[in-house]
């Protein structure tokens, strides 16, 4: 942001673009929202072991991206868009993930994420995040998003509702992994828990379809070995 006076801040070009895109989304997409929880205790314990095995730091974000992409592969309407009198399903599952860069929010895109391994996704996430923060993203790095992820876990936010970006029809918002008491084998057990909120364009996707999609994401995160193979 550029400060023009004591009470006025001039928006950057990227910030102006975000304003336009988010306003358009809220005005044109009739959304509904679903929330679910996932026990990610096993996932959190697995991450350090994977780093030793593969020599790559695999963030929780990489798991979320892969789970989102694999679920979208089975529920193709989640990567569809409204096109006049038609619903057009995207040719690829391209996951855009929000990055808070010094010059504003940017959304790099991992192309064909459903066809990439967890290691490939982790490597690409690291490269794209660094490029975003160094202002080195190219147009190709931010194009053709078909589904979106927003993660505010690093800011100690438990849950929130994201705004669907104009190219997509849904966005998965996740917060910090927190300790919660959940029933397990009939006993109260402290589990690492993730709260997920899905915002969905109701013109394209109905509640039952979106609920099944979100349930599959939770099931994959609760059984993270599915995401590593």
Protein backbone atom coordinates (compact mmCIF):
# COMPACT_ATOMS: atom_id res chain seq x y z
CA UNK A 1 0.00 0.00 0.00
CA UNK A 2 1.11 3.54 -0.71
CA UNK A 3 0.37 6.12 1.98
CA UNK A 4 -0.82 9.39 0.39
CA UNK A 5 -1.76 11.29 3.55
CA UNK A 6 -2.32 10.71 7.25
CA UNK A 7 -5.84 9.41 6.57
CA UNK A 8 -5.59 7.95 3.07
CA UNK A 9 -3.83 4.88 1.68
CA UNK A 10 -3.57 4.35 -2.06
CA UNK A 11 -4.31 0.82 -3.25
CA UNK A 12 -1.74 -1.04 -5.31
CA UNK A 13 -2.68 -2.49 -8.71
CA UNK A 14 -2.99 -5.97 -7.20
CA UNK A 15 -5.16 -4.71 -4.35
CA UNK A 16 -7.48 -2.97 -6.82
CA UNK A 17 -7.77 -6.20 -8.78
CA UNK A 18 -8.63 -8.14 -5.60
CA UNK A 19 -11.31 -5.58 -4.72
CA UNK A 20 -12.91 -5.95 -8.16
CA UNK A 21 -12.74 -9.76 -8.15
CA UNK A 22 -14.11 -10.24 -4.64
CA UNK A 23 -16.94 -7.74 -5.19
CA UNK A 24 -17.90 -9.50 -8.43
CA UNK A 25 -17.91 -12.86 -6.68
CA UNK A 26 -20.17 -11.70 -3.83
CA UNK A 27 -22.56 -10.03 -6.28
CA UNK A 28 -22.87 -12.93 -8.71
CA UNK A 29 -22.43 -16.19 -6.76
CA UNK A 30 -25.32 -17.34 -4.53
CA UNK A 31 -23.31 -19.29 -1.96
CA UNK A 32 -24.06 -21.74 0.80
CA UNK A 33 -21.62 -22.94 3.43
CA UNK A 34 -20.77 -26.27 5.04
CA UNK A 35 -18.47 -27.01 7.97
CA UNK A 36 -16.85 -30.26 9.06
CA UNK A 37 -14.05 -31.46 11.33
CA UNK A 38 -11.24 -33.88 10.65
CA UNK A 39 -9.09 -35.74 13.15
CA UNK A 40 -5.60 -35.08 11.76
CA UNK A 41 -3.64 -36.61 14.64
CA UNK A 42 -2.07 -39.26 12.42
CA UNK A 43 -1.31 -36.69 9.70
CA UNK A 44 0.53 -34.43 12.15
CA UNK A 45 2.59 -37.37 13.46
CA UNK A 46 3.37 -38.52 9.92
CA UNK A 47 4.82 -35.25 8.62
CA UNK A 48 8.25 -35.41 10.35
CA UNK A 49 8.67 -39.02 9.21
CA UNK A 50 7.91 -38.06 5.62
CA UNK A 51 10.50 -35.31 5.75
CA UNK A 52 13.13 -37.85 6.75
CA UNK A 53 11.97 -40.32 4.11
CA UNK A 54 11.69 -37.91 1.18
CA UNK A 55 14.08 -35.13 2.20
CA UNK A 56 11.35 -32.54 1.61
CA UNK A 57 9.35 -30.54 4.12
CA UNK A 58 5.71 -31.44 3.56
CA UNK A 59 3.43 -28.77 4.99
CA UNK A 60 -0.12 -29.31 6.13
CA UNK A 61 -1.09 -27.14 3.15
CA UNK A 62 0.37 -29.74 0.78
CA UNK A 63 -1.89 -32.38 2.35
CA UNK A 64 -4.91 -30.09 2.02
CA UNK A 65 -4.13 -29.36 -1.63
CA UNK A 66 -3.76 -33.04 -2.47
CA UNK A 67 -6.92 -34.04 -0.59
CA UNK A 68 -8.87 -31.23 -2.26
CA UNK A 69 -7.59 -32.22 -5.70
CA UNK A 70 -8.26 -35.95 -5.33
CA UNK A 71 -11.76 -35.27 -4.01
CA UNK A 72 -12.48 -32.93 -6.92
CA UNK A 73 -11.43 -35.68 -9.30
CA UNK A 74 -14.28 -37.82 -7.93
CA UNK A 75 -16.73 -34.89 -7.72
CA UNK A 76 -16.17 -33.02 -11.01
CA UNK A 77 -18.91 -30.44 -10.44
CA UNK A 78 -16.62 -28.92 -7.82
CA UNK A 79 -14.40 -27.69 -10.67
CA UNK A 80 -17.27 -26.60 -12.91
CA UNK A 81 -18.38 -23.07 -13.71
CA UNK A 82 -21.65 -21.49 -14.71
CA UNK A 83 -21.61 -20.59 -18.42
CA UNK A 84 -24.86 -19.03 -19.61
CA UNK A 85 -27.41 -21.86 -19.87
CA UNK A 86 -24.73 -24.49 -19.31
CA UNK A 87 -22.51 -25.86 -16.59
CA UNK A 88 -19.00 -26.40 -17.92
CA UNK A 89 -16.71 -28.84 -16.13
CA UNK A 90 -13.05 -27.82 -16.18
CA UNK A 91 -10.52 -29.89 -18.11
CA UNK A 92 -8.12 -29.93 -15.15
CA UNK A 93 -8.03 -29.75 -11.37
CA UNK A 94 -5.92 -26.65 -10.77
CA UNK A 95 -5.73 -25.66 -7.10
CA UNK A 96 -5.19 -22.00 -6.28
CA UNK A 97 -3.88 -21.34 -2.77
CA UNK A 98 -3.81 -17.94 -1.13
CA UNK A 99 -0.45 -16.42 -0.14
CA UNK A 100 -0.09 -13.26 1.92
CA UNK A 101 2.69 -11.46 0.03
CA UNK A 102 4.18 -8.06 1.01
CA UNK A 103 2.36 -6.38 -1.89
CA UNK A 104 -1.01 -7.99 -1.15
CA UNK A 105 -2.84 -11.29 -1.37
CA UNK A 106 -1.88 -13.42 -4.37
CA UNK A 107 -3.08 -16.85 -5.49
CA UNK A 108 -0.52 -19.12 -7.17
CA UNK A 109 -1.97 -22.18 -8.88
CA UNK A 110 -0.78 -25.78 -8.81
CA UNK A 111 -1.83 -27.19 -12.17
CA UNK A 112 -3.17 -30.75 -12.49
CA UNK A 113 -2.82 -31.19 -8.74
CA UNK A 114 -4.77 -34.45 -8.82
CA UNK A 115 -2.02 -35.98 -10.96
CA UNK A 116 0.83 -34.94 -8.66
CA UNK A 117 2.28 -36.76 -5.66
CA UNK A 118 2.38 -35.20 -2.21
CA UNK A 119 6.12 -34.60 -2.68
CA UNK A 120 5.61 -32.85 -6.02
CA UNK A 121 2.88 -30.67 -4.53
CA UNK A 122 5.06 -29.76 -1.53
CA UNK A 123 7.95 -28.78 -3.81
CA UNK A 124 5.72 -26.67 -6.06
CA UNK A 125 4.02 -25.02 -3.08
CA UNK A 126 7.42 -23.96 -1.72
CA UNK A 127 8.59 -22.58 -5.08
CA UNK A 128 5.37 -20.68 -5.76
CA UNK A 129 5.16 -19.26 -2.23
CA UNK A 130 8.72 -17.95 -2.46
CA UNK A 131 8.04 -16.44 -5.90
CA UNK A 132 4.89 -14.79 -4.54
CA UNK A 133 6.75 -13.19 -1.66
CA UNK A 134 9.60 -12.08 -3.92
CA UNK A 135 7.19 -10.62 -6.51
CA UNK A 136 8.43 -13.07 -9.14
CA UNK A 137 5.20 -14.83 -10.08
CA UNK A 138 4.55 -14.98 -13.80
CA UNK A 139 1.08 -14.82 -15.42
CA UNK A 140 1.32 -18.59 -15.97
CA UNK A 141 1.77 -19.09 -12.20
CA UNK A 142 -1.63 -17.54 -11.39
CA UNK A 143 -3.76 -18.63 -14.36
CA UNK A 144 -6.50 -21.25 -14.81
CA UNK A 145 -7.52 -21.76 -11.19
CA UNK A 146 -10.47 -24.18 -11.01
CA UNK A 147 -10.75 -24.74 -7.23
CA UNK A 148 -9.45 -22.76 -4.28
CA UNK A 149 -7.88 -23.20 -0.84
CA UNK A 150 -7.34 -20.59 1.87
CA UNK A 151 -5.39 -21.43 5.03
CA UNK A 152 -5.17 -19.05 7.99
CA UNK A 153 -3.80 -21.61 10.43
CA UNK A 154 -0.52 -19.71 10.74
CA UNK A 155 -2.49 -16.79 12.20
CA UNK A 156 -4.07 -18.90 14.96
CA UNK A 157 -7.51 -18.67 13.34
CA UNK A 158 -9.68 -21.73 14.03
CA UNK A 159 -12.29 -21.28 11.29
CA UNK A 160 -13.52 -18.72 8.78
CA UNK A 161 -15.54 -18.41 5.57
CA UNK A 162 -13.63 -17.61 2.39
CA UNK A 163 -14.97 -15.79 -0.68
CA UNK A 164 -15.00 -17.92 -3.81
CA UNK A 165 -12.65 -16.45 -6.44
CA UNK A 166 -14.43 -15.64 -9.74
CA UNK A 167 -12.87 -18.49 -11.79
CA UNK A 168 -13.96 -21.15 -9.27
CA UNK A 169 -17.20 -22.48 -7.81
CA UNK A 170 -15.97 -23.37 -4.33
CA UNK A 171 -13.28 -22.56 -1.80
CA UNK A 172 -12.10 -24.64 1.14
CA UNK A 173 -11.07 -22.57 4.16
CA UNK A 174 -9.04 -24.12 6.94
CA UNK A 175 -7.70 -22.81 10.23
CA UNK A 176 -5.22 -23.87 12.85
CA UNK A 177 -5.00 -27.49 14.00
CA UNK A 178 -6.28 -27.50 17.56
CA UNK A 179 -6.57 -29.99 20.41
CA UNK A 180 -10.15 -31.15 20.92
CA UNK A 181 -11.70 -33.92 22.97
CA UNK A 182 -13.41 -36.38 20.65
CA UNK A 183 -14.89 -39.84 21.28
CA UNK A 184 -12.58 -42.66 20.19
CA UNK A 185 -13.29 -46.35 20.90
CA UNK A 186 -15.93 -45.22 23.36
CA UNK A 187 -13.48 -43.06 25.33
CA UNK A 188 -12.90 -39.28 25.35
CA UNK A 189 -9.59 -38.67 23.61
CA UNK A 190 -7.63 -35.48 22.87
CA UNK A 191 -7.18 -35.31 19.08
CA UNK A 192 -5.51 -32.92 16.68
CA UNK A 193 -8.54 -31.43 14.95
CA UNK A 194 -8.96 -29.38 11.80
CA UNK A 195 -12.09 -27.30 11.20
CA UNK A 196 -12.92 -26.97 7.49
CA UNK A 197 -15.44 -24.59 5.93
CA UNK A 198 -16.56 -25.01 2.33
CA UNK A 199 -18.17 -22.12 0.43
CA UNK A 200 -20.08 -23.30 -2.65
CA UNK A 201 -21.83 -21.70 -5.65
CA UNK A 202 -25.41 -23.02 -5.35
CA UNK A 203 -26.13 -22.44 -9.05
CA UNK A 204 -23.88 -25.40 -9.84
CA UNK A 205 -23.68 -27.61 -6.76
CA UNK A 206 -26.36 -28.78 -4.35
CA UNK A 207 -25.98 -29.40 -0.64
CA UNK A 208 -25.82 -33.20 -0.70
CA UNK A 209 -23.16 -33.25 -3.43
CA UNK A 210 -21.02 -30.69 -1.57
CA UNK A 211 -21.48 -32.57 1.72
CA UNK A 212 -20.22 -35.80 0.16
CA UNK A 213 -17.26 -33.90 -1.30
CA UNK A 214 -16.34 -32.38 2.06
CA UNK A 215 -16.77 -35.75 3.80
CA UNK A 216 -14.31 -37.32 1.35
CA UNK A 217 -11.74 -34.61 2.09
CA UNK A 218 -12.12 -35.24 5.83
CA UNK A 219 -11.86 -39.01 5.33
CA UNK A 220 -8.62 -38.62 3.35
CA UNK A 221 -7.06 -36.29 5.92
CA UNK A 222 -7.99 -38.72 8.70
CA UNK A 223 -6.27 -41.52 6.75
CA UNK A 224 -3.27 -39.61 5.37
CA UNK A 225 -1.53 -42.70 4.00
CA UNK A 226 -4.05 -42.43 1.14
CA UNK A 227 -2.50 -39.09 0.23
CA UNK A 228 1.10 -40.32 0.23
CA UNK A 229 0.80 -43.30 -2.08
